Amino acid sequence: MRARLEEVSPGLAQLVRFGIVGGLGTLTNLALFFVLVDLSGLAALLGMLACFAAAVSQNYALNELWTFATHSRGRLAWVRYWKFVLSSLAGLAVNAIVLVGLMEFFTFPLLVIPQAIGILAGMAVNFVASRTIVFQRS
């Protein structure tokens, strides 16, 4: 008899869902970054901010409705959205530090590469903040 991951380890199941949502957000972020920065010539930091705005909104909705639905009862809420945005800024800061650091010390054929590395670096910060601040159990 197969046990569901949720039954075996709710925290691990939540982390897996968070990773899937983050992966989708990363695809959105990188595709938009590629278009805005690599194809259109927008400055990398401006492109990063625009991509953050799009991806954070997508990630909030998916995390609210799926990843942490048992905590929030699957309803979107402006208060949690703004908590999510603010807590995601810590991940964005990590992303920016990594992006700028990599661009300073290395040459990349496409700037989307250090952006992807920066996104990965910020993921742990985003998960901890989401789980403990934004979608905490009432």
Protein backbone atom coordinates (compact mmCIF):
# COMPACT_ATOMS: atom_id res chain seq x y z
CA MET A 1 0.00 0.00 0.00
CA ARG A 2 1.48 3.35 -1.05
CA ALA A 3 1.41 6.17 1.47
CA ARG A 4 0.98 9.71 0.27
CA LEU A 5 3.89 12.05 0.93
CA GLU A 6 1.53 14.31 2.88
CA GLU A 7 0.74 11.44 5.28
CA VAL A 8 4.39 10.47 5.73
CA SER A 9 5.81 13.99 6.14
CA PRO A 10 3.55 17.04 5.84
CA GLY A 11 6.55 19.37 6.06
CA LEU A 12 8.37 17.59 3.24
CA ALA A 13 5.22 17.56 1.10
CA GLN A 14 4.91 21.30 1.70
CA LEU A 15 8.55 21.83 0.72
CA VAL A 16 8.02 19.83 -2.49
CA ARG A 17 4.94 21.91 -3.40
CA PHE A 18 6.84 25.10 -2.56
CA GLY A 19 9.65 23.93 -4.85
CA ILE A 20 7.23 23.24 -7.70
CA VAL A 21 5.63 26.68 -7.29
CA GLY A 22 9.09 28.22 -7.07
CA GLY A 23 10.11 26.37 -10.22
CA LEU A 24 7.16 27.81 -12.09
CA GLY A 25 7.98 31.25 -10.73
CA THR A 26 11.58 30.78 -11.80
CA LEU A 27 10.50 29.90 -15.34
CA THR A 28 8.31 33.00 -15.44
CA ASN A 29 11.13 35.12 -14.01
CA LEU A 30 13.82 33.82 -16.36
CA ALA A 31 11.67 34.00 -19.49
CA LEU A 32 10.67 37.57 -18.72
CA PHE A 33 14.26 38.48 -17.74
CA PHE A 34 15.57 37.04 -21.02
CA VAL A 35 13.08 39.12 -23.02
CA LEU A 36 13.57 42.34 -21.03
CA VAL A 37 17.35 42.22 -20.51
CA ASP A 38 19.01 39.91 -23.01
CA LEU A 39 16.76 40.72 -25.97
CA SER A 40 15.54 44.26 -25.22
CA GLY A 41 18.61 45.68 -23.48
CA LEU A 42 16.99 46.77 -20.21
CA ALA A 43 19.48 47.17 -17.34
CA ALA A 44 19.88 43.88 -15.43
CA LEU A 45 18.78 45.28 -12.05
CA LEU A 46 15.69 46.93 -13.53
CA GLY A 47 14.86 43.71 -15.31
CA MET A 48 15.34 41.78 -12.07
CA LEU A 49 12.85 44.07 -10.28
CA ALA A 50 10.22 43.75 -13.02
CA CYS A 51 10.62 39.98 -13.02
CA PHE A 52 10.37 39.90 -9.23
CA ALA A 53 7.03 41.74 -9.34
CA ALA A 54 5.57 39.28 -11.83
CA ALA A 55 6.95 36.13 -10.21
CA VAL A 56 6.13 37.11 -6.61
CA SER A 57 2.48 37.69 -7.51
CA GLN A 58 2.25 34.35 -9.32
CA ASN A 59 4.03 32.54 -6.48
CA TYR A 60 1.83 34.10 -3.79
CA ALA A 61 -1.36 32.93 -5.50
CA LEU A 62 -0.10 29.39 -6.09
CA ASN A 63 1.35 29.05 -2.60
CA GLU A 64 -1.82 30.42 -1.02
CA LEU A 65 -4.13 28.16 -2.99
CA TRP A 66 -2.00 24.99 -3.03
CA THR A 67 1.21 24.87 -0.96
CA PHE A 68 -0.16 26.40 2.24
CA ALA A 69 -3.88 25.97 1.54
CA THR A 70 -4.47 24.15 4.85
CA HIS A 71 -3.11 27.18 6.71
CA SER A 72 -5.02 29.83 4.80
CA ARG A 73 -8.07 27.76 3.89
CA GLY A 74 -7.25 28.29 0.20
CA ARG A 75 -8.35 31.92 0.02
CA LEU A 76 -6.37 34.83 -1.36
CA ALA A 77 -5.94 37.70 1.10
CA TRP A 78 -4.34 41.11 0.64
CA VAL A 79 -2.71 41.05 4.09
CA ARG A 80 -0.98 37.74 3.36
CA TYR A 81 -0.09 38.93 -0.14
CA TRP A 82 1.76 41.95 1.27
CA LYS A 83 3.41 39.81 3.95
CA PHE A 84 4.53 37.47 1.17
CA VAL A 85 5.86 40.36 -0.91
CA LEU A 86 7.73 41.85 2.05
CA SER A 87 9.18 38.53 3.17
CA SER A 88 10.16 37.77 -0.43
CA LEU A 89 12.25 40.93 -0.45
CA ALA A 90 14.79 39.10 1.74
CA GLY A 91 15.08 36.48 -0.99
CA LEU A 92 15.29 39.26 -3.57
CA ALA A 93 18.17 40.85 -1.62
CA VAL A 94 20.04 37.55 -1.72
CA ASN A 95 19.24 37.27 -5.44
CA ALA A 96 20.55 40.81 -6.07
CA ILE A 97 23.77 40.26 -4.11
CA VAL A 98 24.49 37.04 -5.99
CA LEU A 99 23.55 38.54 -9.39
CA VAL A 100 25.72 41.64 -8.92
CA GLY A 101 28.59 39.64 -7.41
CA LEU A 102 28.63 37.13 -10.24
CA MET A 103 28.41 39.89 -12.88
CA GLU A 104 31.30 41.72 -11.17
CA PHE A 105 33.69 38.76 -11.09
CA PHE A 106 32.67 36.63 -14.07
CA THR A 107 31.65 37.03 -17.70
CA PHE A 108 28.55 35.18 -18.88
CA PRO A 109 27.30 34.73 -22.45
CA LEU A 110 23.79 35.52 -21.16
CA LEU A 111 22.94 37.42 -17.97
CA VAL A 112 20.06 35.04 -17.35
CA ILE A 113 22.68 32.57 -16.01
CA PRO A 114 23.72 34.57 -12.92
CA GLN A 115 20.07 35.51 -12.45
CA ALA A 116 19.17 31.82 -12.22
CA ILE A 117 21.93 31.25 -9.67
CA GLY A 118 20.67 34.21 -7.64
CA ILE A 119 17.13 32.85 -7.63
CA LEU A 120 18.35 29.52 -6.27
CA ALA A 121 20.30 31.29 -3.53
CA GLY A 122 17.17 33.13 -2.35
CA MET A 123 14.87 30.08 -2.28
CA ALA A 124 15.70 28.91 1.25
CA VAL A 125 15.08 32.36 2.68
CA ASN A 126 11.73 32.53 0.88
CA PHE A 127 10.58 29.12 2.15
CA VAL A 128 11.43 29.82 5.78
CA ALA A 129 9.76 33.23 5.66
CA SER A 130 6.68 31.85 3.92
CA ARG A 131 6.28 29.02 6.36
CA THR A 132 6.95 30.98 9.55
CA ILE A 133 5.64 34.47 8.78
CA VAL A 134 3.17 34.51 5.91
CA PHE A 135 1.29 31.22 6.12
CA GLN A 136 1.75 30.41 9.80
CA ARG A 137 -0.99 28.41 11.46
CA SER A 138 -3.55 30.53 13.26
